[in-house]
């Protein structure tokens, strides 16, 4: 993921979690579709979430 997309996803997460804005409202603010806002927010969540696999996904 490139640096600009990371920054966008962090800003969207801040607005979504900190200010309680909807995907539609964020999209209207930045002139992007609610679907794209949702995609960027999900990419933020994927980066924030630790690996669910034991041992980081490596065989024990």
PDB file of N, CA and C in Angstrom:
ATOM      1  N   UNK A   1       0.855  -1.179   0.000  1.00  0.00           N
ATOM      2  CA  UNK A   1       0.000   0.000   0.000  1.00  0.00           C
ATOM      3  C   UNK A   1       0.896   1.234   0.000  1.00  0.00           C
ATOM      4  N   UNK A   2       0.615   2.161  -0.877  1.00  0.00           N
ATOM      5  CA  UNK A   2       1.459   3.344  -0.958  1.00  0.00           C
ATOM      6  C   UNK A   2       1.153   4.335   0.171  1.00  0.00           C
ATOM      7  N   UNK A   3       2.073   5.251   0.365  1.00  0.00           N
ATOM      8  CA  UNK A   3       1.992   6.187   1.489  1.00  0.00           C
ATOM      9  C   UNK A   3       0.727   7.053   1.445  1.00  0.00           C
ATOM     10  N   UNK A   4       0.336   7.496   0.252  1.00  0.00           N
ATOM     11  CA  UNK A   4      -0.849   8.344   0.143  1.00  0.00           C
ATOM     12  C   UNK A   4      -2.116   7.582   0.557  1.00  0.00           C
ATOM     13  N   UNK A   5      -2.211   6.319   0.145  1.00  0.00           N
ATOM     14  CA  UNK A   5      -3.380   5.521   0.510  1.00  0.00           C
ATOM     15  C   UNK A   5      -3.415   5.268   2.016  1.00  0.00           C
ATOM     16  N   UNK A   6      -2.249   5.070   2.615  1.00  0.00           N
ATOM     17  CA  UNK A   6      -2.176   4.891   4.072  1.00  0.00           C
ATOM     18  C   UNK A   6      -2.670   6.153   4.777  1.00  0.00           C
ATOM     19  N   UNK A   7      -2.232   7.317   4.299  1.00  0.00           N
ATOM     20  CA  UNK A   7      -2.668   8.583   4.908  1.00  0.00           C
ATOM     21  C   UNK A   7      -4.175   8.774   4.771  1.00  0.00           C
ATOM     22  N   UNK A   8      -4.724   8.463   3.582  1.00  0.00           N
ATOM     23  CA  UNK A   8      -6.167   8.571   3.378  1.00  0.00           C
ATOM     24  C   UNK A   8      -6.913   7.659   4.332  1.00  0.00           C
ATOM     25  N   UNK A   9      -6.440   6.406   4.449  1.00  0.00           N
ATOM     26  CA  UNK A   9      -7.154   5.452   5.307  1.00  0.00           C
ATOM     27  C   UNK A   9      -7.099   5.873   6.770  1.00  0.00           C
ATOM     28  N   UNK A  10      -5.981   6.458   7.197  1.00  0.00           N
ATOM     29  CA  UNK A  10      -5.869   6.941   8.578  1.00  0.00           C
ATOM     30  C   UNK A  10      -6.802   8.126   8.827  1.00  0.00           C
ATOM     31  N   UNK A  11      -6.904   9.025   7.853  1.00  0.00           N
ATOM     32  CA  UNK A  11      -7.806  10.179   7.980  1.00  0.00           C
ATOM     33  C   UNK A  11      -9.268   9.717   8.040  1.00  0.00           C
ATOM     34  N   UNK A  12      -9.611   8.769   7.193  1.00  0.00           N
ATOM     35  CA  UNK A  12     -10.974   8.241   7.183  1.00  0.00           C
ATOM     36  C   UNK A  12     -11.286   7.560   8.511  1.00  0.00           C
ATOM     37  N   UNK A  13     -10.345   6.796   9.036  1.00  0.00           N
ATOM     38  CA  UNK A  13     -10.555   6.139  10.334  1.00  0.00           C
ATOM     39  C   UNK A  13     -10.737   7.174  11.439  1.00  0.00           C
ATOM     40  N   UNK A  14      -9.964   8.255  11.384  1.00  0.00           N
ATOM     41  CA  UNK A  14     -10.094   9.310  12.387  1.00  0.00           C
ATOM     42  C   UNK A  14     -11.494   9.923  12.335  1.00  0.00           C
ATOM     43  N   UNK A  15     -11.974  10.217  11.137  1.00  0.00           N
ATOM     44  CA  UNK A  15     -13.298  10.811  10.990  1.00  0.00           C
ATOM     45  C   UNK A  15     -14.395   9.821  11.390  1.00  0.00           C
ATOM     46  N   UNK A  16     -14.218   8.575  11.017  1.00  0.00           N
ATOM     47  CA  UNK A  16     -15.218   7.545  11.286  1.00  0.00           C
ATOM     48  C   UNK A  16     -15.307   7.234  12.783  1.00  0.00           C
ATOM     49  N   UNK A  17     -14.145   7.023  13.396  1.00  0.00           N
ATOM     50  CA  UNK A  17     -14.124   6.619  14.807  1.00  0.00           C
ATOM     51  C   UNK A  17     -14.150   7.817  15.750  1.00  0.00           C
ATOM     52  N   UNK A  18     -13.446   8.872  15.412  1.00  0.00           N
ATOM     53  CA  UNK A  18     -13.340  10.020  16.301  1.00  0.00           C
ATOM     54  C   UNK A  18     -14.521  10.959  16.241  1.00  0.00           C
ATOM     55  N   UNK A  19     -15.051  11.159  15.041  1.00  0.00           N
ATOM     56  CA  UNK A  19     -16.152  12.109  14.870  1.00  0.00           C
ATOM     57  C   UNK A  19     -17.475  11.430  14.556  1.00  0.00           C
ATOM     58  N   UNK A  20     -17.443  10.112  14.368  1.00  0.00           N
ATOM     59  CA  UNK A  20     -18.678   9.377  14.115  1.00  0.00           C
ATOM     60  C   UNK A  20     -19.306   9.646  12.761  1.00  0.00           C
ATOM     61  N   UNK A  21     -18.514  10.065  11.787  1.00  0.00           N
ATOM     62  CA  UNK A  21     -19.054  10.354  10.460  1.00  0.00           C
ATOM     63  C   UNK A  21     -19.359   9.061   9.715  1.00  0.00           C
ATOM     64  N   UNK A  22     -20.365   9.115   8.863  1.00  0.00           N
ATOM     65  CA  UNK A  22     -20.717   7.966   8.033  1.00  0.00           C
ATOM     66  C   UNK A  22     -19.822   7.945   6.796  1.00  0.00           C
ATOM     67  N   UNK A  23     -19.795   6.791   6.120  1.00  0.00           N
ATOM     68  CA  UNK A  23     -19.030   6.686   4.877  1.00  0.00           C
ATOM     69  C   UNK A  23     -19.562   7.686   3.849  1.00  0.00           C
ATOM     70  N   UNK A  24     -20.862   7.864   3.819  1.00  0.00           N
ATOM     71  CA  UNK A  24     -21.477   8.803   2.873  1.00  0.00           C
ATOM     72  C   UNK A  24     -21.022  10.228   3.155  1.00  0.00           C
ATOM     73  N   UNK A  25     -21.030  10.634   4.431  1.00  0.00           N
ATOM     74  CA  UNK A  25     -20.631  11.999   4.793  1.00  0.00           C
ATOM     75  C   UNK A  25     -19.146  12.243   4.496  1.00  0.00           C
ATOM     76  N   UNK A  26     -18.319  11.261   4.768  1.00  0.00           N
ATOM     77  CA  UNK A  26     -16.891  11.395   4.467  1.00  0.00           C
ATOM     78  C   UNK A  26     -16.682  11.503   2.959  1.00  0.00           C
ATOM     79  N   UNK A  27     -17.397  10.662   2.202  1.00  0.00           N
ATOM     80  CA  UNK A  27     -17.309  10.712   0.744  1.00  0.00           C
ATOM     81  C   UNK A  27     -17.735  12.054   0.187  1.00  0.00           C
ATOM     82  N   UNK A  28     -18.791  12.620   0.742  1.00  0.00           N
ATOM     83  CA  UNK A  28     -19.244  13.940   0.285  1.00  0.00           C
ATOM     84  C   UNK A  28     -18.205  15.007   0.592  1.00  0.00           C
ATOM     85  N   UNK A  29     -17.567  14.905   1.743  1.00  0.00           N
ATOM     86  CA  UNK A  29     -16.545  15.885   2.125  1.00  0.00           C
ATOM     87  C   UNK A  29     -15.360  15.853   1.159  1.00  0.00           C
ATOM     88  N   UNK A  30     -14.940  14.645   0.766  1.00  0.00           N
ATOM     89  CA  UNK A  30     -13.738  14.490  -0.061  1.00  0.00           C
ATOM     90  C   UNK A  30     -14.040  14.171  -1.521  1.00  0.00           C
ATOM     91  N   UNK A  31     -15.319  14.202  -1.905  1.00  0.00           N
ATOM     92  CA  UNK A  31     -15.720  13.965  -3.288  1.00  0.00           C
ATOM     93  C   UNK A  31     -15.284  12.588  -3.796  1.00  0.00           C
ATOM     94  N   UNK A  32     -15.471  11.560  -2.959  1.00  0.00           N
ATOM     95  CA  UNK A  32     -15.230  10.180  -3.367  1.00  0.00           C
ATOM     96  C   UNK A  32     -16.450   9.349  -2.976  1.00  0.00           C
ATOM     97  N   UNK A  33     -16.599   8.200  -3.603  1.00  0.00           N
ATOM     98  CA  UNK A  33     -17.788   7.385  -3.350  1.00  0.00           C
ATOM     99  C   UNK A  33     -17.743   6.767  -1.947  1.00  0.00           C
ATOM    100  N   UNK A  34     -18.924   6.527  -1.362  1.00  0.00           N
ATOM    101  CA  UNK A  34     -18.968   5.847  -0.064  1.00  0.00           C
ATOM    102  C   UNK A  34     -18.303   4.469  -0.123  1.00  0.00           C
ATOM    103  N   UNK A  35     -18.384   3.812  -1.281  1.00  0.00           N
ATOM    104  CA  UNK A  35     -17.750   2.504  -1.443  1.00  0.00           C
ATOM    105  C   UNK A  35     -16.236   2.606  -1.324  1.00  0.00           C
ATOM    106  N   UNK A  36     -15.648   3.639  -1.928  1.00  0.00           N
ATOM    107  CA  UNK A  36     -14.198   3.852  -1.840  1.00  0.00           C
ATOM    108  C   UNK A  36     -13.801   4.194  -0.404  1.00  0.00           C
ATOM    109  N   UNK A  37     -14.617   5.002   0.272  1.00  0.00           N
ATOM    110  CA  UNK A  37     -14.361   5.333   1.680  1.00  0.00           C
ATOM    111  C   UNK A  37     -14.360   4.056   2.505  1.00  0.00           C
ATOM    112  N   UNK A  38     -15.335   3.192   2.286  1.00  0.00           N
ATOM    113  CA  UNK A  38     -15.424   1.930   3.008  1.00  0.00           C
ATOM    114  C   UNK A  38     -14.198   1.060   2.735  1.00  0.00           C
ATOM    115  N   UNK A  39     -13.778   0.993   1.471  1.00  0.00           N
ATOM    116  CA  UNK A  39     -12.605   0.200   1.098  1.00  0.00           C
ATOM    117  C   UNK A  39     -11.357   0.707   1.832  1.00  0.00           C
ATOM    118  N   UNK A  40     -11.168   2.013   1.866  1.00  0.00           N
ATOM    119  CA  UNK A  40      -9.995   2.584   2.541  1.00  0.00           C
ATOM    120  C   UNK A  40     -10.056   2.347   4.048  1.00  0.00           C
ATOM    121  N   UNK A  41     -11.243   2.443   4.621  1.00  0.00           N
ATOM    122  CA  UNK A  41     -11.397   2.183   6.055  1.00  0.00           C
ATOM    123  C   UNK A  41     -11.077   0.720   6.368  1.00  0.00           C
ATOM    124  N   UNK A  42     -11.558  -0.196   5.534  1.00  0.00           N
ATOM    125  CA  UNK A  42     -11.263  -1.613   5.743  1.00  0.00           C
ATOM    126  C   UNK A  42      -9.767  -1.891   5.608  1.00  0.00           C
ATOM    127  N   UNK A  43      -9.085  -1.199   4.705  1.00  0.00           N
ATOM    128  CA  UNK A  43      -7.642  -1.396   4.577  1.00  0.00           C
ATOM    129  C   UNK A  43      -6.928  -0.906   5.832  1.00  0.00           C
ATOM    130  N   UNK A  44      -7.442   0.174   6.441  1.00  0.00           N
ATOM    131  CA  UNK A  44      -6.882   0.653   7.705  1.00  0.00           C
ATOM    132  C   UNK A  44      -7.056  -0.410   8.795  1.00  0.00           C
ATOM    133  N   UNK A  45      -8.245  -0.982   8.870  1.00  0.00           N
ATOM    134  CA  UNK A  45      -8.506  -2.002   9.888  1.00  0.00           C
ATOM    135  C   UNK A  45      -7.628  -3.233   9.691  1.00  0.00           C
ATOM    136  N   UNK A  46      -7.399  -3.624   8.440  1.00  0.00           N
ATOM    137  CA  UNK A  46      -6.535  -4.776   8.172  1.00  0.00           C
ATOM    138  C   UNK A  46      -5.103  -4.506   8.621  1.00  0.00           C
ATOM    139  N   UNK A  47      -4.610  -3.304   8.423  1.00  0.00           N
ATOM    140  CA  UNK A  47      -3.249  -2.970   8.845  1.00  0.00           C
ATOM    141  C   UNK A  47      -3.148  -2.884  10.364  1.00  0.00           C
ATOM    142  N   UNK A  48      -4.202  -2.426  11.017  1.00  0.00           N
ATOM    143  CA  UNK A  48      -4.195  -2.259  12.466  1.00  0.00           C
ATOM    144  C   UNK A  48      -4.327  -3.595  13.194  1.00  0.00           C
ATOM    145  N   UNK A  49      -5.044  -4.533  12.605  1.00  0.00           N
ATOM    146  CA  UNK A  49      -5.328  -5.817  13.249  1.00  0.00           C
ATOM    147  C   UNK A  49      -4.076  -6.699  13.260  1.00  0.00           C
ATOM    148  N   UNK A  50      -3.726  -7.232  14.429  1.00  0.00           N
ATOM    149  CA  UNK A  50      -2.576  -8.150  14.471  1.00  0.00           C
ATOM    150  C   UNK A  50      -2.935  -9.472  13.796  1.00  0.00           C
ATOM    151  N   UNK A  51      -1.930 -10.201  13.423  1.00  0.00           N
ATOM    152  CA  UNK A  51      -2.158 -11.492  12.785  1.00  0.00           C
ATOM    153  C   UNK A  51      -2.939 -12.399  13.731  1.00  0.00           C
ATOM    154  N   UNK A  52      -3.941 -13.074  13.192  1.00  0.00           N
ATOM    155  CA  UNK A  52      -4.770 -13.960  14.006  1.00  0.00           C
ATOM    156  C   UNK A  52      -4.158 -15.343  14.129  1.00  0.00           C
ATOM    157  N   UNK A  53      -3.119 -15.590  13.364  1.00  0.00           N
ATOM    158  CA  UNK A  53      -2.511 -16.908  13.381  1.00  0.00           C
ATOM    159  C   UNK A  53      -1.445 -16.975  14.467  1.00  0.00           C
ATOM    160  N   UNK A  54      -1.365 -18.123  15.106  1.00  0.00           N
ATOM    161  CA  UNK A  54      -0.369 -18.347  16.151  1.00  0.00           C
ATOM    162  C   UNK A  54       1.014 -18.387  15.497  1.00  0.00           C
ATOM    163  N   UNK A  55       1.969 -17.701  16.095  1.00  0.00           N
ATOM    164  CA  UNK A  55       3.322 -17.698  15.563  1.00  0.00           C
ATOM    165  C   UNK A  55       3.488 -16.864  14.321  1.00  0.00           C
ATOM    166  N   UNK A  56       2.554 -15.943  14.086  1.00  0.00           N
ATOM    167  CA  UNK A  56       2.653 -15.067  12.934  1.00  0.00           C
ATOM    168  C   UNK A  56       2.470 -15.782  11.601  1.00  0.00           C
ATOM    169  N   UNK A  57       1.833 -16.938  11.624  1.00  0.00           N
ATOM    170  CA  UNK A  57       1.545 -17.642  10.376  1.00  0.00           C
ATOM    171  C   UNK A  57       2.615 -18.641   9.981  1.00  0.00           C
ATOM    172  N   UNK A  58       3.657 -18.786  10.775  1.00  0.00           N
ATOM    173  CA  UNK A  58       4.731 -19.731  10.463  1.00  0.00           C
ATOM    174  C   UNK A  58       4.445 -21.065  11.121  1.00  0.00           C
ATOM    175  N   UNK A  59       4.854 -22.137  10.465  1.00  0.00           N
ATOM    176  CA  UNK A  59       4.648 -23.472  11.022  1.00  0.00           C
ATOM    177  C   UNK A  59       5.444 -23.639  12.307  1.00  0.00           C
ATOM    178  N   UNK A  60       4.833 -24.293  13.283  1.00  0.00           N
ATOM    179  CA  UNK A  60       5.493 -24.498  14.577  1.00  0.00           C
ATOM    180  C   UNK A  60       6.416 -25.674  14.562  1.00  0.00           C
TER     181      UNK A  60
END
